[in-house]
Amino acid sequence: MRTITFNELRRIKDSLPSGSIHRIADELNMTVETVRNFFGGHNFKNGKSVGIHLEPGPDGGLVMLDDTTVLEKALQILRETEEKITQEA
């Protein structure tokens, strides 16, 4: 379990390069809507609940993550992107 602010979770999502949500879904064998739900979406018709619990508070409130697999994959993609930018510079 991990706790993160909602705004931090959204910042991570917004920092991902184009196509990352689809990549995460493909690599983790999830629907795109389920990955979007992890980042604060609410489409439970086409996506599943992803074990996040929201608690009101500063910075958008707190998000308790039961499973950090999607977050870890997103952070991996961000690291890869940073490494690519560094190598090109």
C-alpha atoms as a PDB file:
ATOM      1  CA  MET A   1       0.000   0.000   0.000  1.00  0.00           C
ATOM      2  CA  ARG A   2       1.174   3.528  -0.784  1.00  0.00           C
ATOM      3  CA  THR A   3      -0.270   6.948  -0.024  1.00  0.00           C
ATOM      4  CA  ILE A   4       0.105   9.831  -2.470  1.00  0.00           C
ATOM      5  CA  THR A   5      -1.735  13.117  -2.941  1.00  0.00           C
ATOM      6  CA  PHE A   6      -4.348  13.238  -5.672  1.00  0.00           C
ATOM      7  CA  ASN A   7      -2.605  16.215  -7.283  1.00  0.00           C
ATOM      8  CA  GLU A   8       0.706  14.317  -7.356  1.00  0.00           C
ATOM      9  CA  LEU A   9      -1.011  11.362  -9.026  1.00  0.00           C
ATOM     10  CA  ARG A  10      -2.512  13.701 -11.641  1.00  0.00           C
ATOM     11  CA  ARG A  11       0.881  15.382 -12.194  1.00  0.00           C
ATOM     12  CA  ILE A  12       2.411  11.982 -12.923  1.00  0.00           C
ATOM     13  CA  LYS A  13      -0.373  11.176 -15.394  1.00  0.00           C
ATOM     14  CA  ASP A  14      -0.085  14.571 -17.075  1.00  0.00           C
ATOM     15  CA  SER A  15       3.712  14.155 -17.393  1.00  0.00           C
ATOM     16  CA  LEU A  16       3.440  10.869 -19.273  1.00  0.00           C
ATOM     17  CA  PRO A  17       4.237  10.984 -22.972  1.00  0.00           C
ATOM     18  CA  SER A  18       1.435  10.482 -25.470  1.00  0.00           C
ATOM     19  CA  GLY A  19       0.300   6.866 -25.729  1.00  0.00           C
ATOM     20  CA  SER A  20       1.510   5.901 -22.246  1.00  0.00           C
ATOM     21  CA  ILE A  21      -1.952   5.017 -20.905  1.00  0.00           C
ATOM     22  CA  HIS A  22      -2.369   2.537 -23.779  1.00  0.00           C
ATOM     23  CA  ARG A  23       1.148   1.182 -23.202  1.00  0.00           C
ATOM     24  CA  ILE A  24       0.473   0.638 -19.498  1.00  0.00           C
ATOM     25  CA  ALA A  25      -2.831  -1.080 -20.306  1.00  0.00           C
ATOM     26  CA  ASP A  26      -1.162  -3.357 -22.874  1.00  0.00           C
ATOM     27  CA  GLU A  27       1.818  -4.245 -20.681  1.00  0.00           C
ATOM     28  CA  LEU A  28      -0.322  -4.930 -17.606  1.00  0.00           C
ATOM     29  CA  ASN A  29      -3.121  -6.661 -19.534  1.00  0.00           C
ATOM     30  CA  MET A  30      -5.746  -4.127 -18.436  1.00  0.00           C
ATOM     31  CA  THR A  31      -8.284  -2.039 -20.287  1.00  0.00           C
ATOM     32  CA  VAL A  32      -7.378   1.562 -21.050  1.00  0.00           C
ATOM     33  CA  GLU A  33     -10.364   2.695 -18.957  1.00  0.00           C
ATOM     34  CA  THR A  34      -9.094   0.746 -15.944  1.00  0.00           C
ATOM     35  CA  VAL A  35      -5.735   2.540 -16.189  1.00  0.00           C
ATOM     36  CA  ARG A  36      -7.537   5.883 -16.512  1.00  0.00           C
ATOM     37  CA  ASN A  37      -9.601   5.011 -13.423  1.00  0.00           C
ATOM     38  CA  PHE A  38      -6.334   4.520 -11.529  1.00  0.00           C
ATOM     39  CA  PHE A  39      -5.429   8.122 -12.322  1.00  0.00           C
ATOM     40  CA  GLY A  40      -8.766   9.468 -11.124  1.00  0.00           C
ATOM     41  CA  GLY A  41     -11.184   8.524 -13.898  1.00  0.00           C
ATOM     42  CA  HIS A  42     -14.642   7.227 -13.080  1.00  0.00           C
ATOM     43  CA  ASN A  43     -15.587   5.008 -16.021  1.00  0.00           C
ATOM     44  CA  PHE A  44     -16.663   1.809 -14.306  1.00  0.00           C
ATOM     45  CA  LYS A  45     -18.878   0.711 -17.196  1.00  0.00           C
ATOM     46  CA  ASN A  46     -15.881  -0.048 -19.436  1.00  0.00           C
ATOM     47  CA  GLY A  47     -13.132  -0.062 -16.808  1.00  0.00           C
ATOM     48  CA  LYS A  48     -12.693  -1.652 -13.417  1.00  0.00           C
ATOM     49  CA  SER A  49     -12.086  -0.286  -9.970  1.00  0.00           C
ATOM     50  CA  VAL A  50      -8.378  -0.290  -9.250  1.00  0.00           C
ATOM     51  CA  GLY A  51      -8.137  -0.300  -5.467  1.00  0.00           C
ATOM     52  CA  ILE A  52      -7.723   3.385  -4.783  1.00  0.00           C
ATOM     53  CA  HIS A  53      -9.266   5.077  -1.784  1.00  0.00           C
ATOM     54  CA  LEU A  54      -9.706   8.846  -1.676  1.00  0.00           C
ATOM     55  CA  GLU A  55      -9.598  10.911   1.482  1.00  0.00           C
ATOM     56  CA  PRO A  56     -10.339  14.666   1.459  1.00  0.00           C
ATOM     57  CA  GLY A  57      -7.467  16.959   2.350  1.00  0.00           C
ATOM     58  CA  PRO A  58      -4.948  19.480   1.063  1.00  0.00           C
ATOM     59  CA  ASP A  59      -3.355  19.125  -2.393  1.00  0.00           C
ATOM     60  CA  GLY A  60      -6.427  17.367  -3.765  1.00  0.00           C
ATOM     61  CA  GLY A  61      -6.676  14.961  -0.855  1.00  0.00           C
ATOM     62  CA  LEU A  62      -4.924  11.685  -0.216  1.00  0.00           C
ATOM     63  CA  VAL A  63      -5.083   8.595  -2.382  1.00  0.00           C
ATOM     64  CA  MET A  64      -4.339   5.239  -0.765  1.00  0.00           C
ATOM     65  CA  LEU A  65      -3.245   2.722  -3.381  1.00  0.00           C
ATOM     66  CA  ASP A  66      -3.812  -0.962  -2.621  1.00  0.00           C
ATOM     67  CA  ASP A  67      -1.719  -2.001  -5.627  1.00  0.00           C
ATOM     68  CA  THR A  68       1.045   0.252  -6.956  1.00  0.00           C
ATOM     69  CA  THR A  69       1.699  -1.685 -10.195  1.00  0.00           C
ATOM     70  CA  VAL A  70       0.169   0.984 -12.481  1.00  0.00           C
ATOM     71  CA  LEU A  71       2.009   3.764 -10.632  1.00  0.00           C
ATOM     72  CA  GLU A  72       5.302   1.875 -10.836  1.00  0.00           C
ATOM     73  CA  LYS A  73       4.841   1.345 -14.595  1.00  0.00           C
ATOM     74  CA  ALA A  74       4.062   5.064 -15.065  1.00  0.00           C
ATOM     75  CA  LEU A  75       7.172   6.054 -13.102  1.00  0.00           C
ATOM     76  CA  GLN A  76       9.241   3.616 -15.194  1.00  0.00           C
ATOM     77  CA  ILE A  77       7.977   5.293 -18.382  1.00  0.00           C
ATOM     78  CA  LEU A  78       8.873   8.722 -16.960  1.00  0.00           C
ATOM     79  CA  ARG A  79      12.397   7.503 -16.112  1.00  0.00           C
ATOM     80  CA  GLU A  80      12.803   6.098 -19.636  1.00  0.00           C
ATOM     81  CA  THR A  81      11.657   9.421 -21.090  1.00  0.00           C
ATOM     82  CA  GLU A  82      14.114  11.373 -18.916  1.00  0.00           C
ATOM     83  CA  GLU A  83      16.978   9.034 -19.893  1.00  0.00           C
ATOM     84  CA  LYS A  84      16.143   9.444 -23.583  1.00  0.00           C
ATOM     85  CA  ILE A  85      16.102  13.245 -23.247  1.00  0.00           C
ATOM     86  CA  THR A  86      19.408  13.175 -21.359  1.00  0.00           C
ATOM     87  CA  GLN A  87      21.053  10.969 -24.020  1.00  0.00           C
ATOM     88  CA  GLU A  88      19.837  13.247 -26.813  1.00  0.00           C
ATOM     89  CA  ALA A  89      21.206  16.363 -25.085  1.00  0.00           C
END
